[in-house]
C-alpha atoms as a PDB file:
ATOM      1  CA  MET A   1     104.020 194.683  16.021  1.00  0.00           C
ATOM      2  CA  THR A   2     100.439 193.775  17.059  1.00  0.00           C
ATOM      3  CA  PHE A   3      97.165 195.178  15.870  1.00  0.00           C
ATOM      4  CA  ASP A   4      94.066 195.864  17.926  1.00  0.00           C
ATOM      5  CA  ILE A   5      91.267 194.166  16.001  1.00  0.00           C
ATOM      6  CA  GLY A   6      88.643 194.554  18.701  1.00  0.00           C
ATOM      7  CA  ASP A   7      89.165 192.534  21.845  1.00  0.00           C
ATOM      8  CA  GLU A   8      91.600 190.043  23.354  1.00  0.00           C
ATOM      9  CA  GLU A   9      89.796 187.009  21.935  1.00  0.00           C
ATOM     10  CA  GLN A  10      89.817 188.444  18.415  1.00  0.00           C
ATOM     11  CA  ASN A  11      93.502 189.376  18.713  1.00  0.00           C
ATOM     12  CA  HIS A  12      94.332 185.818  19.793  1.00  0.00           C
ATOM     13  CA  GLU A  13      92.324 184.434  16.880  1.00  0.00           C
ATOM     14  CA  TYR A  14      94.155 186.788  14.508  1.00  0.00           C
ATOM     15  CA  ILE A  15      97.582 185.690  15.831  1.00  0.00           C
ATOM     16  CA  MET A  16      96.612 182.015  15.454  1.00  0.00           C
ATOM     17  CA  TRP A  17      95.412 182.692  11.908  1.00  0.00           C
ATOM     18  CA  GLU A  18      98.738 184.389  11.090  1.00  0.00           C
ATOM     19  CA  HIS A  19     100.654 181.362  12.439  1.00  0.00           C
ATOM     20  CA  GLU A  20      98.508 178.858  10.521  1.00  0.00           C
ATOM     21  CA  LYS A  21      98.744 180.982   7.370  1.00  0.00           C
ATOM     22  CA  GLN A  22     102.532 180.926   7.520  1.00  0.00           C
ATOM     23  CA  ASP A  23     102.456 177.139   7.871  1.00  0.00           C
ATOM     24  CA  LEU A  24     100.124 176.744   4.910  1.00  0.00           C
ATOM     25  CA  VAL A  25     102.178 179.050   2.709  1.00  0.00           C
ATOM     26  CA  ALA A  26     105.159 176.720   3.168  1.00  0.00           C
ATOM     27  CA  ILE A  27     103.155 173.619   2.189  1.00  0.00           C
ATOM     28  CA  PRO A  28     102.242 172.667  -1.408  1.00  0.00           C
ATOM     29  CA  ASN A  29      98.637 173.293  -2.459  1.00  0.00           C
ATOM     30  CA  TRP A  30      98.012 175.354   0.702  1.00  0.00           C
ATOM     31  CA  GLY A  31      98.046 172.252   2.858  1.00  0.00           C
ATOM     32  CA  ILE A  32      95.287 170.392   1.029  1.00  0.00           C
ATOM     33  CA  TYR A  33      95.971 166.624   1.078  1.00  0.00           C
ATOM     34  CA  HIS A  34      98.608 167.225   3.765  1.00  0.00           C
ATOM     35  CA  LEU A  35      98.712 166.391   7.483  1.00  0.00           C
ATOM     36  CA  ASN A  36     101.144 167.211  10.218  1.00  0.00           C
ATOM     37  CA  ILE A  37     102.761 164.322  12.097  1.00  0.00           C
ATOM     38  CA  ARG A  38     100.272 164.459  14.968  1.00  0.00           C
ATOM     39  CA  GLN A  39      97.278 164.522  12.612  1.00  0.00           C
ATOM     40  CA  ALA A  40      98.713 161.616  10.633  1.00  0.00           C
ATOM     41  CA  ALA A  41      99.195 159.593  13.834  1.00  0.00           C
ATOM     42  CA  GLU A  42      95.586 160.257  14.862  1.00  0.00           C
ATOM     43  CA  LEU A  43      94.325 159.288  11.402  1.00  0.00           C
ATOM     44  CA  ILE A  44      96.208 155.978  11.436  1.00  0.00           C
ATOM     45  CA  ALA A  45      95.013 155.137  14.959  1.00  0.00           C
ATOM     46  CA  LEU A  46      91.413 155.903  13.973  1.00  0.00           C
ATOM     47  CA  ASP A  47      91.650 153.891  10.763  1.00  0.00           C
ATOM     48  CA  MET A  48      93.034 150.844  12.539  1.00  0.00           C
ATOM     49  CA  TRP A  49      90.399 151.105  15.280  1.00  0.00           C
ATOM     50  CA  TYR A  50      87.575 151.250  12.746  1.00  0.00           C
ATOM     51  CA  SER A  51      89.152 148.331  10.878  1.00  0.00           C
ATOM     52  CA  GLY A  52      89.134 146.202  14.031  1.00  0.00           C
ATOM     53  CA  GLU A  53      92.923 146.284  14.481  1.00  0.00           C
ATOM     54  CA  SER A  54      92.629 147.699  18.005  1.00  0.00           C
ATOM     55  CA  ASP A  55      91.041 146.172  21.108  1.00  0.00           C
ATOM     56  CA  ILE A  56      90.104 149.561  22.607  1.00  0.00           C
ATOM     57  CA  SER A  57      86.416 149.655  23.587  1.00  0.00           C
ATOM     58  CA  GLU A  58      84.032 152.339  22.412  1.00  0.00           C
ATOM     59  CA  PRO A  59      84.284 155.325  24.805  1.00  0.00           C
ATOM     60  CA  GLU A  60      81.238 156.081  26.909  1.00  0.00           C
ATOM     61  CA  GLY A  61      79.034 158.723  25.298  1.00  0.00           C
ATOM     62  CA  TRP A  62      80.739 158.338  21.906  1.00  0.00           C
ATOM     63  CA  ASP A  63      78.639 159.973  19.162  1.00  0.00           C
ATOM     64  CA  GLY A  64      79.513 157.268  16.608  1.00  0.00           C
ATOM     65  CA  THR A  65      81.775 159.417  14.402  1.00  0.00           C
ATOM     66  CA  GLU A  66      85.530 159.670  13.973  1.00  0.00           C
ATOM     67  CA  TYR A  67      85.296 163.379  14.846  1.00  0.00           C
ATOM     68  CA  ASP A  68      84.302 162.859  18.497  1.00  0.00           C
ATOM     69  CA  PRO A  69      87.241 163.962  20.747  1.00  0.00           C
ATOM     70  CA  LYS A  70      86.350 161.150  23.158  1.00  0.00           C
ATOM     71  CA  LEU A  71      87.573 158.641  20.596  1.00  0.00           C
ATOM     72  CA  ILE A  72      90.958 160.346  20.203  1.00  0.00           C
ATOM     73  CA  VAL A  73      91.319 160.409  24.003  1.00  0.00           C
ATOM     74  CA  ALA A  74      90.563 156.685  24.130  1.00  0.00           C
ATOM     75  CA  LEU A  75      93.156 156.042  21.426  1.00  0.00           C
ATOM     76  CA  ALA A  76      95.780 158.370  22.947  1.00  0.00           C
ATOM     77  CA  LYS A  77      98.293 155.580  23.588  1.00  0.00           C
ATOM     78  CA  HIS A  78      98.078 154.357  19.991  1.00  0.00           C
ATOM     79  CA  VAL A  79      98.307 157.910  18.667  1.00  0.00           C
ATOM     80  CA  GLN A  80     101.504 158.469  20.657  1.00  0.00           C
ATOM     81  CA  GLU A  81     102.986 155.194  19.386  1.00  0.00           C
ATOM     82  CA  PHE A  82     102.323 156.095  15.756  1.00  0.00           C
ATOM     83  CA  GLU A  83     103.634 159.607  16.257  1.00  0.00           C
ATOM     84  CA  VAL A  84     106.956 158.149  17.442  1.00  0.00           C
ATOM     85  CA  ARG A  85     107.041 155.755  14.474  1.00  0.00           C
ATOM     86  CA  LEU A  86     106.342 158.537  11.987  1.00  0.00           C
ATOM     87  CA  LEU A  87     108.990 160.776  13.534  1.00  0.00           C
ATOM     88  CA  ASN A  88     111.518 157.945  13.299  1.00  0.00           C
ATOM     89  CA  ALA A  89     110.571 157.298   9.669  1.00  0.00           C
ATOM     90  CA  VAL A  90     111.053 160.976   8.831  1.00  0.00           C
ATOM     91  CA  GLU A  91     114.369 161.087  10.702  1.00  0.00           C
ATOM     92  CA  LEU A  92     115.590 158.029   8.778  1.00  0.00           C
ATOM     93  CA  GLU A  93     114.355 159.611   5.502  1.00  0.00           C
ATOM     94  CA  ARG A  94     112.026 156.696   4.854  1.00  0.00           C
ATOM     95  CA  LEU A  95     109.004 158.972   4.889  1.00  0.00           C
ATOM     96  CA  LYS A  96     109.168 162.062   2.704  1.00  0.00           C
ATOM     97  CA  THR A  97     107.918 165.334   4.169  1.00  0.00           C
ATOM     98  CA  ALA A  98     106.423 168.365   2.459  1.00  0.00           C
ATOM     99  CA  LYS A  99     107.697 170.604   5.251  1.00  0.00           C
ATOM    100  CA  ILE A 100     109.934 169.740   8.174  1.00  0.00           C
ATOM    101  CA  GLN A 101     110.427 171.895  11.262  1.00  0.00           C
ATOM    102  CA  ARG A 102     112.972 171.334  14.029  1.00  0.00           C
ATOM    103  CA  ASN A 103     113.647 173.051  17.332  1.00  0.00           C
ATOM    104  CA  LEU A 104     117.037 174.241  18.610  1.00  0.00           C
ATOM    105  CA  ASP A 105     117.775 170.725  19.884  1.00  0.00           C
ATOM    106  CA  GLU A 106     117.289 169.427  16.311  1.00  0.00           C
ATOM    107  CA  LYS A 107     114.169 167.543  17.334  1.00  0.00           C
ATOM    108  CA  ILE A 108     111.383 167.332  14.750  1.00  0.00           C
ATOM    109  CA  LEU A 109     108.244 169.227  15.775  1.00  0.00           C
ATOM    110  CA  PRO A 110     105.228 166.957  15.092  1.00  0.00           C
ATOM    111  CA  HIS A 111     102.717 169.815  14.871  1.00  0.00           C
ATOM    112  CA  GLU A 112     104.771 171.768  12.336  1.00  0.00           C
ATOM    113  CA  THR A 113     106.093 168.945  10.143  1.00  0.00           C
ATOM    114  CA  TYR A 114     103.795 167.990   7.272  1.00  0.00           C
ATOM    115  CA  ILE A 115     103.372 164.870   5.133  1.00  0.00           C
ATOM    116  CA  GLU A 116     101.527 164.548   1.842  1.00  0.00           C
ATOM    117  CA  PHE A 117      98.708 161.998   2.117  1.00  0.00           C
ATOM    118  CA  CYS A 118      99.918 159.788  -0.749  1.00  0.00           C
ATOM    119  CA  GLU A 119     103.358 159.606   0.871  1.00  0.00           C
ATOM    120  CA  LEU A 120     101.754 158.521   4.138  1.00  0.00           C
ATOM    121  CA  ARG A 121      99.583 155.903   2.466  1.00  0.00           C
ATOM    122  CA  GLY A 122     102.537 154.593   0.482  1.00  0.00           C
ATOM    123  CA  TRP A 123     104.580 154.306   3.665  1.00  0.00           C
ATOM    124  CA  LEU A 124     101.784 152.320   5.324  1.00  0.00           C
ATOM    125  CA  TYR A 125     101.336 150.076   2.278  1.00  0.00           C
ATOM    126  CA  GLN A 126     105.048 149.232   2.201  1.00  0.00           C
ATOM    127  CA  ARG A 127     104.692 148.055   5.780  1.00  0.00           C
ATOM    128  CA  GLY A 128     101.768 145.756   5.096  1.00  0.00           C
ATOM    129  CA  TYR A 129      98.818 148.016   5.909  1.00  0.00           C
ATOM    130  CA  ASP A 130      96.430 148.816   3.044  1.00  0.00           C
ATOM    131  CA  GLY A 131      94.264 151.227   5.016  1.00  0.00           C
ATOM    132  CA  GLY A 132      90.527 151.291   5.562  1.00  0.00           C
ATOM    133  CA  ASP A 133      87.420 153.452   5.598  1.00  0.00           C
ATOM    134  CA  ILE A 134      88.817 156.346   7.657  1.00  0.00           C
ATOM    135  CA  LEU A 135      91.751 156.948   5.309  1.00  0.00           C
ATOM    136  CA  ASN A 136      89.412 156.854   2.310  1.00  0.00           C
ATOM    137  CA  HIS A 137      86.904 159.139   4.012  1.00  0.00           C
ATOM    138  CA  TRP A 138      89.648 161.661   4.836  1.00  0.00           C
ATOM    139  CA  MET A 139      90.811 161.698   1.215  1.00  0.00           C
ATOM    140  CA  PHE A 140      87.260 162.289  -0.071  1.00  0.00           C
ATOM    141  CA  THR A 141      86.803 165.144   2.416  1.00  0.00           C
ATOM    142  CA  GLU A 142      90.027 166.754   1.190  1.00  0.00           C
ATOM    143  CA  SER A 143      88.657 166.471  -2.346  1.00  0.00           C
ATOM    144  CA  ASP A 144      85.618 168.494  -1.260  1.00  0.00           C
ATOM    145  CA  ILE A 145      87.901 171.113   0.313  1.00  0.00           C
ATOM    146  CA  ASP A 146      89.991 171.195  -2.855  1.00  0.00           C
ATOM    147  CA  ALA A 147      86.864 171.879  -4.918  1.00  0.00           C
ATOM    148  CA  LEU A 148      85.760 174.702  -2.592  1.00  0.00           C
ATOM    149  CA  VAL A 149      89.207 176.324  -2.677  1.00  0.00           C
ATOM    150  CA  SER A 150      89.227 176.117  -6.479  1.00  0.00           C
ATOM    151  CA  ARG A 151      85.894 177.917  -6.548  1.00  0.00           C
ATOM    152  CA  LYS A 152      87.294 180.628  -4.287  1.00  0.00           C
ATOM    153  CA  VAL A 153      90.343 181.052  -6.552  1.00  0.00           C
ATOM    154  CA  ASN A 154      88.072 181.474  -9.547  1.00  0.00           C
ATOM    155  CA  HIS A 155      86.053 184.023  -7.576  1.00  0.00           C
ATOM    156  CA  LEU A 156      89.160 186.067  -6.729  1.00  0.00           C
ATOM    157  CA  ARG A 157      90.308 185.972 -10.356  1.00  0.00           C
ATOM    158  CA  ALA A 158      86.911 187.251 -11.430  1.00  0.00           C
ATOM    159  CA  VAL A 159      87.132 190.081  -8.859  1.00  0.00           C
ATOM    160  CA  ILE A 160      90.571 191.082 -10.145  1.00  0.00           C
ATOM    161  CA  LYS A 161      89.354 190.966 -13.732  1.00  0.00           C
ATOM    162  CA  GLU A 162      86.371 193.127 -12.809  1.00  0.00           C
ATOM    163  CA  ASN A 163      88.819 195.615 -11.272  1.00  0.00           C
ATOM    164  CA  LYS A 164      90.815 195.611 -14.549  1.00  0.00           C
ATOM    165  CA  GLY A 165      93.815 193.799 -13.148  1.00  0.00           C
ATOM    166  CA  ILE A 166      93.987 195.702  -9.890  1.00  0.00           C
ATOM    167  CA  ILE A 167      93.992 193.618  -6.715  1.00  0.00           C
ATOM    168  CA  PRO A 168      91.430 195.113  -4.311  1.00  0.00           C
ATOM    169  CA  ARG A 169      92.974 196.856  -1.305  1.00  0.00           C
ATOM    170  CA  VAL A 170      91.461 194.312   1.056  1.00  0.00           C
ATOM    171  CA  PHE A 171      93.778 191.595  -0.319  1.00  0.00           C
ATOM    172  CA  ILE A 172      96.992 193.604   0.047  1.00  0.00           C
ATOM    173  CA  SER A 173      98.806 193.579   3.390  1.00  0.00           C
ATOM    174  CA  GLY A 174     100.476 196.684   4.709  1.00  0.00           C
ATOM    175  CA  SER A 175      99.164 199.107   7.274  1.00  0.00           C
ATOM    176  CA  SER A 176      97.387 198.236  10.496  1.00  0.00           C
ATOM    177  CA  ASP A 177      94.027 199.289   9.059  1.00  0.00           C
ATOM    178  CA  ASN A 178      94.718 197.270   5.942  1.00  0.00           C
ATOM    179  CA  LEU A 179      95.543 194.133   7.908  1.00  0.00           C
ATOM    180  CA  GLN A 180      92.473 194.521  10.060  1.00  0.00           C
ATOM    181  CA  GLU A 181      90.332 194.948   6.997  1.00  0.00           C
ATOM    182  CA  MET A 182      91.975 191.970   5.324  1.00  0.00           C
ATOM    183  CA  TYR A 183      91.458 189.811   8.403  1.00  0.00           C
ATOM    184  CA  LYS A 184      87.782 190.757   8.605  1.00  0.00           C
ATOM    185  CA  LYS A 185      87.382 189.987   4.904  1.00  0.00           C
ATOM    186  CA  ILE A 186      89.072 186.589   5.292  1.00  0.00           C
ATOM    187  CA  ALA A 187      86.991 185.827   8.393  1.00  0.00           C
ATOM    188  CA  PHE A 188      83.872 186.687   6.396  1.00  0.00           C
ATOM    189  CA  ASP A 189      84.976 184.541   3.439  1.00  0.00           C
ATOM    190  CA  ASN A 190      85.835 181.742   5.843  1.00  0.00           C
ATOM    191  CA  GLN A 191      82.294 181.855   7.199  1.00  0.00           C
ATOM    192  CA  LEU A 192      80.941 181.737   3.653  1.00  0.00           C
ATOM    193  CA  LEU A 193      83.047 178.658   2.984  1.00  0.00           C
ATOM    194  CA  LYS A 194      81.759 177.064   6.189  1.00  0.00           C
ATOM    195  CA  ASN A 195      78.205 177.801   5.060  1.00  0.00           C
ATOM    196  CA  GLU A 196      78.896 176.260   1.657  1.00  0.00           C
ATOM    197  CA  ILE A 197      80.343 173.157   3.284  1.00  0.00           C
ATOM    198  CA  GLN A 198      77.322 172.903   5.580  1.00  0.00           C
ATOM    199  CA  GLN A 199      74.944 173.266   2.631  1.00  0.00           C
ATOM    200  CA  LEU A 200      76.896 170.598   0.778  1.00  0.00           C
ATOM    201  CA  LYS A 201      76.629 168.294   3.787  1.00  0.00           C
ATOM    202  CA  GLU A 202      72.889 168.938   4.128  1.00  0.00           C
ATOM    203  CA  SER A 203      72.221 168.387   0.422  1.00  0.00           C
ATOM    204  CA  GLN A 204      74.097 165.094   0.595  1.00  0.00           C
ATOM    205  CA  SER A 205      73.057 164.135   4.130  1.00  0.00           C
ATOM    206  CA  HIS A 206      71.496 160.842   3.114  1.00  0.00           C
ATOM    207  CA  GLN A 207      74.451 159.843   0.972  1.00  0.00           C
ATOM    208  CA  THR A 208      76.898 161.032   3.617  1.00  0.00           C
ATOM    209  CA  LYS A 209      75.317 158.813   6.260  1.00  0.00           C
ATOM    210  CA  LEU A 210      75.590 155.834   3.936  1.00  0.00           C
ATOM    211  CA  ASN A 211      79.245 156.583   3.234  1.00  0.00           C
ATOM    212  CA  ASN A 212      80.301 157.158   6.850  1.00  0.00           C
ATOM    213  CA  PRO A 213      82.990 154.739   8.058  1.00  0.00           C
ATOM    214  CA  VAL A 214      81.649 151.784  10.031  1.00  0.00           C
ATOM    215  CA  SER A 215      83.335 150.744  13.263  1.00  0.00           C
ATOM    216  CA  ALA A 216      84.475 147.151  13.724  1.00  0.00           C
ATOM    217  CA  LYS A 217      81.743 146.609  16.329  1.00  0.00           C
ATOM    218  CA  ALA A 218      79.013 147.895  14.006  1.00  0.00           C
ATOM    219  CA  ARG A 219      80.388 145.848  11.067  1.00  0.00           C
ATOM    220  CA  LYS A 220      80.315 142.689  13.182  1.00  0.00           C
ATOM    221  CA  SER A 221      76.739 143.476  14.243  1.00  0.00           C
ATOM    222  CA  PHE A 222      75.655 143.872  10.597  1.00  0.00           C
ATOM    223  CA  LEU A 223      77.257 140.531   9.687  1.00  0.00           C
ATOM    224  CA  LEU A 224      75.543 138.763  12.591  1.00  0.00           C
ATOM    225  CA  ILE A 225      72.198 140.237  11.539  1.00  0.00           C
ATOM    226  CA  ILE A 226      72.735 139.013   7.969  1.00  0.00           C
ATOM    227  CA  GLU A 227      73.611 135.514   9.227  1.00  0.00           C
ATOM    228  CA  ALA A 228      70.558 135.463  11.504  1.00  0.00           C
ATOM    229  CA  LEU A 229      68.255 136.486   8.642  1.00  0.00           C
ATOM    230  CA  CYS A 230      69.797 133.834   6.393  1.00  0.00           C
ATOM    231  CA  LYS A 231      69.176 131.114   8.979  1.00  0.00           C
ATOM    232  CA  LYS A 232      65.651 132.430   9.582  1.00  0.00           C
ATOM    233  CA  ASN A 233      64.943 131.871   5.891  1.00  0.00           C
ATOM    234  CA  ASN A 234      66.750 128.505   5.758  1.00  0.00           C
ATOM    235  CA  LEU A 235      69.654 129.908   3.753  1.00  0.00           C
ATOM    236  CA  ASP A 236      73.274 128.876   4.189  1.00  0.00           C
ATOM    237  CA  SER A 237      75.317 132.058   3.805  1.00  0.00           C
ATOM    238  CA  GLN A 238      78.440 130.030   2.952  1.00  0.00           C
ATOM    239  CA  GLU A 239      76.812 127.782   0.352  1.00  0.00           C
ATOM    240  CA  ARG A 240      78.232 127.996  -3.162  1.00  0.00           C
ATOM    241  CA  GLY A 241      76.161 130.311  -5.369  1.00  0.00           C
ATOM    242  CA  MET A 242      74.467 132.001  -2.377  1.00  0.00           C
ATOM    243  CA  ALA A 243      75.680 135.446  -3.497  1.00  0.00           C
ATOM    244  CA  GLY A 244      73.651 135.151  -6.680  1.00  0.00           C
ATOM    245  CA  ASN A 245      70.578 134.004  -4.767  1.00  0.00           C
ATOM    246  CA  ILE A 246      70.785 136.903  -2.327  1.00  0.00           C
ATOM    247  CA  GLN A 247      71.337 139.302  -5.228  1.00  0.00           C
ATOM    248  CA  LYS A 248      67.984 138.214  -6.715  1.00  0.00           C
ATOM    249  CA  ILE A 249      66.246 138.501  -3.326  1.00  0.00           C
ATOM    250  CA  VAL A 250      67.566 142.045  -2.762  1.00  0.00           C
ATOM    251  CA  GLU A 251      66.501 143.173  -6.224  1.00  0.00           C
ATOM    252  CA  SER A 252      63.019 141.633  -5.959  1.00  0.00           C
ATOM    253  CA  GLN A 253      62.361 142.987  -2.452  1.00  0.00           C
ATOM    254  CA  THR A 254      63.942 146.449  -2.695  1.00  0.00           C
ATOM    255  CA  GLY A 255      64.325 147.195  -6.382  1.00  0.00           C
ATOM    256  CA  GLN A 256      68.016 147.900  -5.750  1.00  0.00           C
ATOM    257  CA  LYS A 257      70.890 146.141  -7.507  1.00  0.00           C
ATOM    258  CA  ILE A 258      74.043 144.909  -5.768  1.00  0.00           C
ATOM    259  CA  ASP A 259      76.681 143.074  -7.777  1.00  0.00           C
ATOM    260  CA  ASP A 260      77.323 139.529  -6.629  1.00  0.00           C
ATOM    261  CA  ASP A 261      81.032 140.193  -6.020  1.00  0.00           C
ATOM    262  CA  THR A 262      80.100 142.727  -3.345  1.00  0.00           C
ATOM    263  CA  ILE A 263      77.664 140.301  -1.737  1.00  0.00           C
ATOM    264  CA  ARG A 264      80.222 137.503  -1.907  1.00  0.00           C
ATOM    265  CA  SER A 265      82.875 139.644  -0.170  1.00  0.00           C
ATOM    266  CA  ILE A 266      80.391 140.435   2.618  1.00  0.00           C
ATOM    267  CA  LEU A 267      79.352 136.821   3.095  1.00  0.00           C
ATOM    268  CA  LYS A 268      83.006 135.763   3.360  1.00  0.00           C
ATOM    269  CA  GLN A 269      83.336 137.946   6.468  1.00  0.00           C
ATOM    270  CA  ILE A 270      80.540 136.162   8.380  1.00  0.00           C
ATOM    271  CA  PRO A 271      82.603 133.208   9.725  1.00  0.00           C
ATOM    272  CA  ASP A 272      85.079 135.591  11.360  1.00  0.00           C
ATOM    273  CA  ALA A 273      82.190 137.544  12.931  1.00  0.00           C
ATOM    274  CA  LEU A 274      80.847 134.287  14.432  1.00  0.00           C
ATOM    275  CA  GLU A 275      84.117 133.491  16.216  1.00  0.00           C
END
């Protein structure tokens, strides 16, 4: 049975929402901290590219973020390779799934088979890959989503309490009118969540920019700039005790404190950047 929500585009959106909802219902924690096989393959390819593990050049017109579709297109070959590896790992039961879906030929469907993030990271770690900025950034983003969902749950509980234990009609599926009303309510709530996320991003825009993953090319550029500035000021970046000296310079010139271990780890990367 289908329901006429307004026009063809809205009906298609409603059908897609129903499909995604059914997927999420079958996944722990409503899919938070979970990825399907294709998403996991894209995440790994992105993480390795940002970490300098891939020789793919920056795509023309790239906006500098991991969200630009041009980057996924450029990494398509690597994404496909990791998708095959993940599917094999699942088939061999070496990678645990939260939800597995097969077709009539018993082939695993990558878009409908989900992995919990910690399982994915553990699988990578066991194969010698610790992960980089993109994996960490994804996890932090999921934490933000988790917090927003928790707030929405508390809101719904408050609504039910206000209605003396009765769930408002808009949250109960049933008739065509009811489903339409429910969909409109969810679409409205979804927009509110998007607004909250946008406000969160705007309020933390400065911090977000600082925490954005850095591509291998940008990281190398930063290291070369540091080395050039050191030489300009007659400093040997690899000299013993240089981390402490730079720590004092940074604090005196900017008023900011950076621990010497962090500076030391950065300076150690300079020789590789010079090769």
